[in-house]
Amino acid sequence: MIGDLSIDDISALLMVVFTCVITIANILLWLSTRRTIALQVKSNYSLNHQSLVTGHRDLFLGLLHQPDILEKFAIANSIDVDSWELKIVSAFFINQIFVHYLNLTNGTIEQSYLEGLKQDAREVFSFPTVQSHWKNSRVWYAPDFQRFVEEELLSPSTDQSSSVEVSASKI
């Protein structure tokens, strides 16, 4: 059968085959590029949030190392410095867990780390000041993170209302 084909027929057949192969390769490359870009967007979102948390932490720690500025800030805003420090530290803990949660849900960290994250986060959420801060700030977080915290981290066996009320005076 191939012997019956002219050189022009074979050339045309090879062009069709190569065109098909190149088209399939381009489609696969396009799909791969789309996945890579989507992962990069998710990674950038996580990195941006991490940068925000780090910036806030640096500002807070810088303020703590400047007692005269901290005192002026506290007076100007009618803040009890001790309770404010607890509130800020609690917010940092929650935001750090949120960053790791974003990395897991966005696929920038493997799911095999989920149980380790949950264990660490449960310990953080066992602190009364963190529970109190969560109660007051939960509405500012995405609904899926709220569900994660309340269903996966806050144990139903813990009476959170009593621990939150006790710590509310500190925050």
N, C-alpha and C. Protein backbone atom coordinates (compact mmCIF):
# COMPACT_ATOMS: atom_id res chain seq x y z
N MET A 1 0.82 -1.18 0.00
CA MET A 1 0.00 0.00 0.00
C MET A 1 0.87 1.25 0.00
N ILE A 2 1.92 1.29 0.81
CA ILE A 2 2.80 2.45 0.82
C ILE A 2 3.54 2.55 -0.51
N GLY A 3 3.82 1.41 -1.10
CA GLY A 3 4.51 1.42 -2.39
C GLY A 3 3.68 2.08 -3.47
N ASP A 4 2.35 2.09 -3.31
CA ASP A 4 1.46 2.70 -4.29
C ASP A 4 1.39 4.21 -4.16
N LEU A 5 1.90 4.73 -3.03
CA LEU A 5 1.83 6.19 -2.80
C LEU A 5 3.00 6.88 -3.47
N SER A 6 2.68 8.03 -4.00
CA SER A 6 3.75 8.83 -4.61
C SER A 6 4.47 9.60 -3.51
N ILE A 7 5.58 10.16 -3.85
CA ILE A 7 6.35 10.95 -2.89
C ILE A 7 5.54 12.14 -2.38
N ASP A 8 4.70 12.68 -3.25
CA ASP A 8 3.84 13.80 -2.83
C ASP A 8 2.78 13.33 -1.84
N ASP A 9 2.24 12.11 -2.06
CA ASP A 9 1.24 11.55 -1.14
C ASP A 9 1.88 11.29 0.24
N ILE A 10 3.08 10.71 0.23
CA ILE A 10 3.79 10.41 1.49
C ILE A 10 4.11 11.72 2.21
N SER A 11 4.55 12.71 1.48
CA SER A 11 4.87 14.02 2.05
C SER A 11 3.62 14.64 2.67
N ALA A 12 2.49 14.55 1.98
CA ALA A 12 1.24 15.10 2.50
C ALA A 12 0.79 14.33 3.74
N LEU A 13 0.94 13.01 3.73
CA LEU A 13 0.58 12.19 4.88
C LEU A 13 1.43 12.54 6.09
N LEU A 14 2.73 12.68 5.87
CA LEU A 14 3.63 13.06 6.96
C LEU A 14 3.28 14.45 7.51
N MET A 15 2.92 15.37 6.64
CA MET A 15 2.52 16.71 7.09
C MET A 15 1.28 16.63 7.98
N VAL A 16 0.31 15.78 7.60
CA VAL A 16 -0.90 15.62 8.40
C VAL A 16 -0.55 15.02 9.76
N VAL A 17 0.28 13.98 9.77
CA VAL A 17 0.68 13.33 11.02
C VAL A 17 1.41 14.33 11.92
N PHE A 18 2.40 15.03 11.36
CA PHE A 18 3.16 16.00 12.15
C PHE A 18 2.27 17.13 12.66
N THR A 19 1.35 17.57 11.84
CA THR A 19 0.42 18.63 12.25
C THR A 19 -0.43 18.15 13.43
N CYS A 20 -0.91 16.91 13.37
CA CYS A 20 -1.70 16.35 14.47
C CYS A 20 -0.86 16.26 15.75
N VAL A 21 0.36 15.76 15.63
CA VAL A 21 1.24 15.62 16.79
C VAL A 21 1.54 16.98 17.40
N ILE A 22 1.86 17.96 16.56
CA ILE A 22 2.16 19.30 17.05
C ILE A 22 0.93 19.94 17.68
N THR A 23 -0.23 19.74 17.09
CA THR A 23 -1.47 20.28 17.65
C THR A 23 -1.74 19.68 19.02
N ILE A 24 -1.60 18.38 19.16
CA ILE A 24 -1.81 17.71 20.45
C ILE A 24 -0.79 18.21 21.47
N ALA A 25 0.47 18.34 21.06
CA ALA A 25 1.51 18.85 21.97
C ALA A 25 1.20 20.27 22.41
N ASN A 26 0.71 21.10 21.52
CA ASN A 26 0.36 22.48 21.88
C ASN A 26 -0.83 22.52 22.85
N ILE A 27 -1.80 21.66 22.63
CA ILE A 27 -2.95 21.60 23.54
C ILE A 27 -2.48 21.16 24.93
N LEU A 28 -1.64 20.15 24.99
CA LEU A 28 -1.12 19.69 26.29
C LEU A 28 -0.29 20.79 26.97
N LEU A 29 0.51 21.49 26.20
CA LEU A 29 1.31 22.60 26.74
C LEU A 29 0.40 23.71 27.26
N TRP A 30 -0.66 24.01 26.50
CA TRP A 30 -1.61 25.03 26.93
C TRP A 30 -2.29 24.63 28.24
N LEU A 31 -2.72 23.38 28.36
CA LEU A 31 -3.35 22.91 29.59
C LEU A 31 -2.38 22.97 30.77
N SER A 32 -1.16 22.56 30.54
CA SER A 32 -0.14 22.60 31.58
C SER A 32 0.14 24.04 32.02
N THR A 33 0.21 24.94 31.07
CA THR A 33 0.45 26.35 31.38
C THR A 33 -0.71 26.93 32.19
N ARG A 34 -1.92 26.57 31.81
CA ARG A 34 -3.10 27.04 32.58
C ARG A 34 -3.03 26.57 34.02
N ARG A 35 -2.67 25.30 34.24
CA ARG A 35 -2.55 24.77 35.60
C ARG A 35 -1.44 25.49 36.37
N THR A 36 -0.33 25.74 35.70
CA THR A 36 0.79 26.42 36.34
C THR A 36 0.41 27.84 36.73
N ILE A 37 -0.27 28.53 35.85
CA ILE A 37 -0.69 29.91 36.15
C ILE A 37 -1.69 29.92 37.29
N ALA A 38 -2.63 28.99 37.30
CA ALA A 38 -3.61 28.92 38.39
C ALA A 38 -2.92 28.66 39.73
N LEU A 39 -1.96 27.76 39.74
CA LEU A 39 -1.22 27.49 40.97
C LEU A 39 -0.41 28.71 41.40
N GLN A 40 0.16 29.42 40.44
CA GLN A 40 0.94 30.62 40.76
C GLN A 40 0.05 31.70 41.35
N VAL A 41 -1.15 31.86 40.82
CA VAL A 41 -2.09 32.85 41.36
C VAL A 41 -2.44 32.49 42.81
N LYS A 42 -2.71 31.21 43.06
CA LYS A 42 -3.03 30.77 44.41
C LYS A 42 -1.83 30.96 45.33
N SER A 43 -0.67 30.64 44.85
CA SER A 43 0.54 30.80 45.64
C SER A 43 0.78 32.27 45.96
N ASN A 44 0.58 33.14 44.99
CA ASN A 44 0.74 34.58 45.22
C ASN A 44 -0.25 35.08 46.27
N TYR A 45 -1.48 34.57 46.24
CA TYR A 45 -2.47 34.96 47.24
C TYR A 45 -1.99 34.57 48.63
N SER A 46 -1.49 33.36 48.77
CA SER A 46 -0.97 32.92 50.07
C SER A 46 0.23 33.74 50.48
N LEU A 47 1.14 34.00 49.55
CA LEU A 47 2.33 34.80 49.86
C LEU A 47 1.96 36.23 50.24
N ASN A 48 0.99 36.79 49.57
CA ASN A 48 0.55 38.14 49.91
C ASN A 48 -0.03 38.19 51.32
N HIS A 49 -0.81 37.20 51.66
CA HIS A 49 -1.37 37.17 53.02
C HIS A 49 -0.26 36.97 54.05
N GLN A 50 0.71 36.10 53.74
CA GLN A 50 1.83 35.89 54.64
C GLN A 50 2.62 37.19 54.82
N SER A 51 2.79 37.93 53.74
CA SER A 51 3.50 39.20 53.80
C SER A 51 2.75 40.20 54.69
N LEU A 52 1.45 40.21 54.60
CA LEU A 52 0.63 41.08 55.44
C LEU A 52 0.79 40.72 56.91
N VAL A 53 0.72 39.43 57.22
CA VAL A 53 0.88 38.97 58.60
C VAL A 53 2.27 39.33 59.12
N THR A 54 3.28 39.11 58.31
CA THR A 54 4.66 39.43 58.70
C THR A 54 4.82 40.93 58.93
N GLY A 55 4.26 41.74 58.05
CA GLY A 55 4.33 43.19 58.21
C GLY A 55 3.68 43.66 59.49
N HIS A 56 2.51 43.12 59.80
CA HIS A 56 1.83 43.49 61.05
C HIS A 56 2.64 43.06 62.26
N ARG A 57 3.20 41.86 62.19
CA ARG A 57 4.03 41.39 63.30
C ARG A 57 5.24 42.29 63.50
N ASP A 58 5.89 42.66 62.41
CA ASP A 58 7.06 43.54 62.51
C ASP A 58 6.70 44.90 63.10
N LEU A 59 5.56 45.46 62.67
CA LEU A 59 5.11 46.73 63.23
C LEU A 59 4.83 46.60 64.73
N PHE A 60 4.15 45.53 65.11
CA PHE A 60 3.82 45.31 66.51
C PHE A 60 5.07 45.14 67.36
N LEU A 61 6.00 44.30 66.89
CA LEU A 61 7.23 44.09 67.66
C LEU A 61 8.07 45.36 67.70
N GLY A 62 8.08 46.11 66.62
CA GLY A 62 8.80 47.39 66.63
C GLY A 62 8.21 48.35 67.64
N LEU A 63 6.90 48.38 67.71
CA LEU A 63 6.23 49.24 68.67
C LEU A 63 6.54 48.81 70.12
N LEU A 64 6.59 47.51 70.35
CA LEU A 64 6.91 47.01 71.69
C LEU A 64 8.33 47.39 72.11
N HIS A 65 9.22 47.54 71.15
CA HIS A 65 10.61 47.89 71.46
C HIS A 65 10.82 49.40 71.55
N GLN A 66 9.76 50.14 71.41
CA GLN A 66 9.80 51.60 71.55
C GLN A 66 8.80 52.00 72.64
N PRO A 67 9.16 51.81 73.93
CA PRO A 67 8.20 52.03 75.03
C PRO A 67 7.56 53.42 75.04
N ASP A 68 8.32 54.45 74.70
CA ASP A 68 7.74 55.79 74.72
C ASP A 68 6.68 55.96 73.63
N ILE A 69 6.93 55.39 72.45
CA ILE A 69 5.94 55.46 71.37
C ILE A 69 4.73 54.59 71.72
N LEU A 70 4.98 53.41 72.30
CA LEU A 70 3.88 52.53 72.72
C LEU A 70 3.00 53.23 73.74
N GLU A 71 3.62 53.92 74.68
CA GLU A 71 2.86 54.63 75.71
C GLU A 71 2.00 55.73 75.08
N LYS A 72 2.57 56.50 74.17
CA LYS A 72 1.82 57.55 73.49
C LYS A 72 0.67 56.96 72.68
N PHE A 73 0.95 55.85 72.00
CA PHE A 73 -0.08 55.18 71.21
C PHE A 73 -1.22 54.71 72.12
N ALA A 74 -0.85 54.11 73.25
CA ALA A 74 -1.86 53.59 74.18
C ALA A 74 -2.71 54.72 74.76
N ILE A 75 -2.07 55.80 75.13
CA ILE A 75 -2.81 56.93 75.70
C ILE A 75 -3.74 57.54 74.65
N ALA A 76 -3.22 57.73 73.43
CA ALA A 76 -4.02 58.35 72.37
C ALA A 76 -5.24 57.52 72.00
N ASN A 77 -5.14 56.20 72.18
CA ASN A 77 -6.23 55.31 71.79
C ASN A 77 -6.95 54.68 72.97
N SER A 78 -6.66 55.15 74.16
CA SER A 78 -7.28 54.61 75.39
C SER A 78 -7.17 53.10 75.45
N ILE A 79 -5.95 52.62 75.28
CA ILE A 79 -5.70 51.17 75.24
C ILE A 79 -4.98 50.73 76.50
N ASP A 80 -5.45 49.63 77.05
CA ASP A 80 -4.69 48.94 78.10
C ASP A 80 -3.67 48.08 77.37
N VAL A 81 -2.39 48.41 77.52
CA VAL A 81 -1.33 47.78 76.73
C VAL A 81 -1.31 46.26 76.91
N ASP A 82 -1.47 45.78 78.14
CA ASP A 82 -1.40 44.33 78.37
C ASP A 82 -2.50 43.58 77.62
N SER A 83 -3.72 44.08 77.69
CA SER A 83 -4.81 43.37 76.98
C SER A 83 -4.66 43.54 75.47
N TRP A 84 -4.18 44.68 75.03
CA TRP A 84 -3.96 44.90 73.60
C TRP A 84 -2.91 43.95 73.07
N GLU A 85 -1.82 43.75 73.83
CA GLU A 85 -0.78 42.80 73.41
C GLU A 85 -1.35 41.40 73.25
N LEU A 86 -2.19 40.97 74.20
CA LEU A 86 -2.80 39.64 74.12
C LEU A 86 -3.70 39.53 72.88
N LYS A 87 -4.43 40.58 72.61
CA LYS A 87 -5.31 40.58 71.44
C LYS A 87 -4.50 40.47 70.15
N ILE A 88 -3.43 41.23 70.05
CA ILE A 88 -2.61 41.22 68.84
C ILE A 88 -1.93 39.87 68.66
N VAL A 89 -1.38 39.33 69.73
CA VAL A 89 -0.71 38.03 69.65
C VAL A 89 -1.72 36.95 69.25
N SER A 90 -2.92 37.01 69.79
CA SER A 90 -3.97 36.05 69.42
C SER A 90 -4.30 36.18 67.93
N ALA A 91 -4.38 37.41 67.44
CA ALA A 91 -4.65 37.64 66.02
C ALA A 91 -3.53 37.06 65.15
N PHE A 92 -2.29 37.21 65.59
CA PHE A 92 -1.17 36.65 64.83
C PHE A 92 -1.26 35.13 64.75
N PHE A 93 -1.62 34.50 65.86
CA PHE A 93 -1.76 33.04 65.85
C PHE A 93 -2.84 32.61 64.85
N ILE A 94 -3.98 33.27 64.91
CA ILE A 94 -5.08 32.92 64.00
C ILE A 94 -4.67 33.16 62.55
N ASN A 95 -4.04 34.29 62.29
CA ASN A 95 -3.63 34.59 60.91
C ASN A 95 -2.56 33.63 60.41
N GLN A 96 -1.68 33.19 61.29
CA GLN A 96 -0.66 32.22 60.87
C GLN A 96 -1.33 30.89 60.47
N ILE A 97 -2.31 30.48 61.23
CA ILE A 97 -3.05 29.26 60.89
C ILE A 97 -3.81 29.47 59.58
N PHE A 98 -4.37 30.66 59.39
CA PHE A 98 -5.08 30.95 58.16
C PHE A 98 -4.16 30.86 56.94
N VAL A 99 -2.94 31.36 57.07
CA VAL A 99 -1.98 31.28 55.96
C VAL A 99 -1.70 29.82 55.61
N HIS A 100 -1.49 28.98 56.63
CA HIS A 100 -1.23 27.56 56.35
C HIS A 100 -2.47 26.89 55.76
N TYR A 101 -3.65 27.27 56.24
CA TYR A 101 -4.88 26.75 55.67
C TYR A 101 -5.00 27.13 54.19
N LEU A 102 -4.69 28.39 53.86
CA LEU A 102 -4.72 28.82 52.46
C LEU A 102 -3.75 28.00 51.62
N ASN A 103 -2.55 27.78 52.15
CA ASN A 103 -1.57 27.00 51.40
C ASN A 103 -2.06 25.58 51.15
N LEU A 104 -2.71 24.99 52.13
CA LEU A 104 -3.24 23.63 51.96
C LEU A 104 -4.39 23.61 50.96
N THR A 105 -5.33 24.52 51.12
CA THR A 105 -6.51 24.50 50.24
C THR A 105 -6.15 24.94 48.83
N ASN A 106 -5.13 25.78 48.68
CA ASN A 106 -4.71 26.21 47.35
C ASN A 106 -3.77 25.22 46.68
N GLY A 107 -3.36 24.19 47.41
CA GLY A 107 -2.51 23.17 46.84
C GLY A 107 -1.04 23.55 46.78
N THR A 108 -0.64 24.60 47.51
CA THR A 108 0.77 24.97 47.52
C THR A 108 1.54 24.23 48.61
N ILE A 109 0.81 23.54 49.47
CA ILE A 109 1.39 22.60 50.44
C ILE A 109 0.60 21.31 50.30
N GLU A 110 1.28 20.19 50.36
CA GLU A 110 0.62 18.89 50.17
C GLU A 110 -0.36 18.59 51.31
N GLN A 111 -1.42 17.89 50.94
CA GLN A 111 -2.45 17.51 51.92
C GLN A 111 -1.91 16.60 53.03
N SER A 112 -0.77 15.98 52.80
CA SER A 112 -0.21 15.10 53.84
C SER A 112 0.14 15.88 55.10
N TYR A 113 0.24 17.20 55.01
CA TYR A 113 0.56 18.03 56.17
C TYR A 113 -0.68 18.45 56.94
N LEU A 114 -1.87 18.11 56.46
CA LEU A 114 -3.11 18.58 57.06
C LEU A 114 -3.25 18.15 58.52
N GLU A 115 -2.99 16.90 58.84
CA GLU A 115 -3.17 16.45 60.22
C GLU A 115 -2.20 17.14 61.17
N GLY A 116 -0.97 17.39 60.72
CA GLY A 116 -0.02 18.12 61.54
C GLY A 116 -0.48 19.55 61.78
N LEU A 117 -1.02 20.19 60.72
CA LEU A 117 -1.55 21.54 60.87
C LEU A 117 -2.70 21.54 61.87
N LYS A 118 -3.60 20.59 61.73
CA LYS A 118 -4.75 20.53 62.64
C LYS A 118 -4.29 20.39 64.09
N GLN A 119 -3.32 19.53 64.34
CA GLN A 119 -2.84 19.32 65.70
C GLN A 119 -2.25 20.60 66.27
N ASP A 120 -1.39 21.26 65.51
CA ASP A 120 -0.80 22.52 65.97
C ASP A 120 -1.88 23.58 66.17
N ALA A 121 -2.81 23.66 65.24
CA ALA A 121 -3.86 24.68 65.31
C ALA A 121 -4.81 24.41 66.48
N ARG A 122 -5.08 23.15 66.78
CA ARG A 122 -5.93 22.84 67.94
C ARG A 122 -5.29 23.34 69.23
N GLU A 123 -3.97 23.18 69.32
CA GLU A 123 -3.26 23.68 70.51
C GLU A 123 -3.39 25.19 70.60
N VAL A 124 -3.22 25.88 69.48
CA VAL A 124 -3.34 27.34 69.47
C VAL A 124 -4.75 27.76 69.87
N PHE A 125 -5.76 27.09 69.32
CA PHE A 125 -7.14 27.45 69.62
C PHE A 125 -7.59 26.98 71.00
N SER A 126 -6.74 26.29 71.71
CA SER A 126 -7.09 25.93 73.09
C SER A 126 -6.80 27.09 74.05
N PHE A 127 -6.05 28.09 73.60
CA PHE A 127 -5.75 29.24 74.45
C PHE A 127 -7.00 30.11 74.57
N PRO A 128 -7.38 30.47 75.79
CA PRO A 128 -8.59 31.29 75.98
C PRO A 128 -8.54 32.62 75.23
N THR A 129 -7.38 33.27 75.18
CA THR A 129 -7.32 34.56 74.47
C THR A 129 -7.54 34.39 72.97
N VAL A 130 -7.06 33.28 72.42
CA VAL A 130 -7.26 33.02 70.99
C VAL A 130 -8.74 32.72 70.74
N GLN A 131 -9.35 31.93 71.61
CA GLN A 131 -10.78 31.64 71.46
C GLN A 131 -11.61 32.92 71.53
N SER A 132 -11.26 33.79 72.47
CA SER A 132 -11.98 35.04 72.61
C SER A 132 -11.80 35.92 71.37
N HIS A 133 -10.58 35.99 70.89
CA HIS A 133 -10.33 36.81 69.70
C HIS A 133 -11.06 36.20 68.49
N TRP A 134 -11.06 34.89 68.38
CA TRP A 134 -11.77 34.23 67.28
C TRP A 134 -13.26 34.56 67.32
N LYS A 135 -13.83 34.53 68.51
CA LYS A 135 -15.25 34.82 68.66
C LYS A 135 -15.58 36.22 68.12
N ASN A 136 -14.66 37.17 68.35
CA ASN A 136 -14.90 38.55 67.92
C ASN A 136 -14.48 38.82 66.47
N SER A 137 -13.59 38.01 65.93
CA SER A 137 -13.06 38.33 64.60
C SER A 137 -13.43 37.33 63.52
N ARG A 138 -14.11 36.26 63.87
CA ARG A 138 -14.38 35.18 62.91
C ARG A 138 -15.11 35.66 61.66
N VAL A 139 -15.95 36.67 61.80
CA VAL A 139 -16.73 37.17 60.65
C VAL A 139 -15.85 37.76 59.56
N TRP A 140 -14.61 38.08 59.86
CA TRP A 140 -13.72 38.68 58.88
C TRP A 140 -12.98 37.63 58.05
N TYR A 141 -13.18 36.37 58.39
CA TYR A 141 -12.51 35.29 57.66
C TYR A 141 -13.50 34.62 56.71
N ALA A 142 -12.95 33.98 55.70
CA ALA A 142 -13.77 33.29 54.70
C ALA A 142 -14.62 32.20 55.37
N PRO A 143 -15.82 31.98 54.86
CA PRO A 143 -16.71 30.96 55.46
C PRO A 143 -16.08 29.57 55.53
N ASP A 144 -15.28 29.18 54.53
CA ASP A 144 -14.67 27.86 54.58
C ASP A 144 -13.64 27.77 55.70
N PHE A 145 -12.92 28.85 55.99
CA PHE A 145 -11.98 28.84 57.12
C PHE A 145 -12.74 28.84 58.44
N GLN A 146 -13.85 29.56 58.51
CA GLN A 146 -14.68 29.53 59.71
C GLN A 146 -15.13 28.10 60.01
N ARG A 147 -15.61 27.41 58.97
CA ARG A 147 -16.05 26.02 59.16
C ARG A 147 -14.89 25.14 59.61
N PHE A 148 -13.73 25.31 58.99
CA PHE A 148 -12.55 24.52 59.35
C PHE A 148 -12.22 24.71 60.83
N VAL A 149 -12.19 25.96 61.27
CA VAL A 149 -11.85 26.24 62.68
C VAL A 149 -12.90 25.63 63.59
N GLU A 150 -14.15 25.87 63.30
CA GLU A 150 -15.20 25.47 64.23
C GLU A 150 -15.52 23.97 64.18
N GLU A 151 -15.32 23.33 63.04
CA GLU A 151 -15.62 21.91 62.94
C GLU A 151 -14.40 21.03 63.17
N GLU A 152 -13.22 21.51 62.77
CA GLU A 152 -12.02 20.68 62.85
C GLU A 152 -11.11 21.01 64.03
N LEU A 153 -11.14 22.26 64.49
CA LEU A 153 -10.17 22.68 65.49
C LEU A 153 -10.75 22.85 66.88
N LEU A 154 -11.89 23.49 66.95
CA LEU A 154 -12.51 23.72 68.25
C LEU A 154 -13.26 22.46 68.65
N SER A 155 -12.76 21.82 69.66
CA SER A 155 -13.37 20.53 70.03
C SER A 155 -14.71 20.75 70.69
N PRO A 156 -15.71 19.97 70.30
CA PRO A 156 -17.04 20.12 70.89
C PRO A 156 -17.08 19.76 72.37
N SER A 157 -16.08 19.01 72.84
CA SER A 157 -16.08 18.62 74.24
C SER A 157 -15.63 19.75 75.15
N THR A 158 -14.99 20.78 74.56
CA THR A 158 -14.54 21.91 75.35
C THR A 158 -15.68 22.89 75.50
N ASP A 159 -15.91 23.33 76.71
CA ASP A 159 -16.92 24.35 76.93
C ASP A 159 -16.30 25.70 76.61
N GLN A 160 -16.45 26.13 75.38
CA GLN A 160 -15.79 27.35 74.93
C GLN A 160 -16.41 28.59 75.54
N SER A 161 -17.68 28.54 75.86
CA SER A 161 -18.31 29.75 76.36
C SER A 161 -17.69 30.19 77.68
N SER A 162 -17.36 29.25 78.57
CA SER A 162 -16.77 29.64 79.84
C SER A 162 -15.35 30.14 79.65
N SER A 163 -14.56 29.49 78.77
CA SER A 163 -13.19 29.94 78.57
C SER A 163 -13.15 31.28 77.85
N VAL A 164 -14.13 31.52 76.98
CA VAL A 164 -14.17 32.79 76.26
C VAL A 164 -14.56 33.91 77.21
N GLU A 165 -15.53 33.66 78.09
CA GLU A 165 -15.96 34.70 79.02
C GLU A 165 -14.84 35.04 80.00
N VAL A 166 -14.10 34.07 80.46
CA VAL A 166 -13.03 34.31 81.40
C VAL A 166 -11.96 35.19 80.74
N SER A 167 -11.63 34.89 79.48
CA SER A 167 -10.56 35.62 78.83
C SER A 167 -11.01 36.93 78.22
N ALA A 168 -12.32 37.13 78.10
CA ALA A 168 -12.80 38.36 77.47
C ALA A 168 -12.35 39.59 78.25
N SER A 169 -12.20 39.45 79.55
CA SER A 169 -11.76 40.60 80.33
C SER A 169 -10.32 40.96 80.04
N LYS A 170 -9.54 40.00 79.51
CA LYS A 170 -8.14 40.25 79.19
C LYS A 170 -7.99 40.94 77.84
N ILE A 171 -8.99 40.81 77.01
CA ILE A 171 -8.86 41.34 75.65
C ILE A 171 -9.69 42.58 75.46
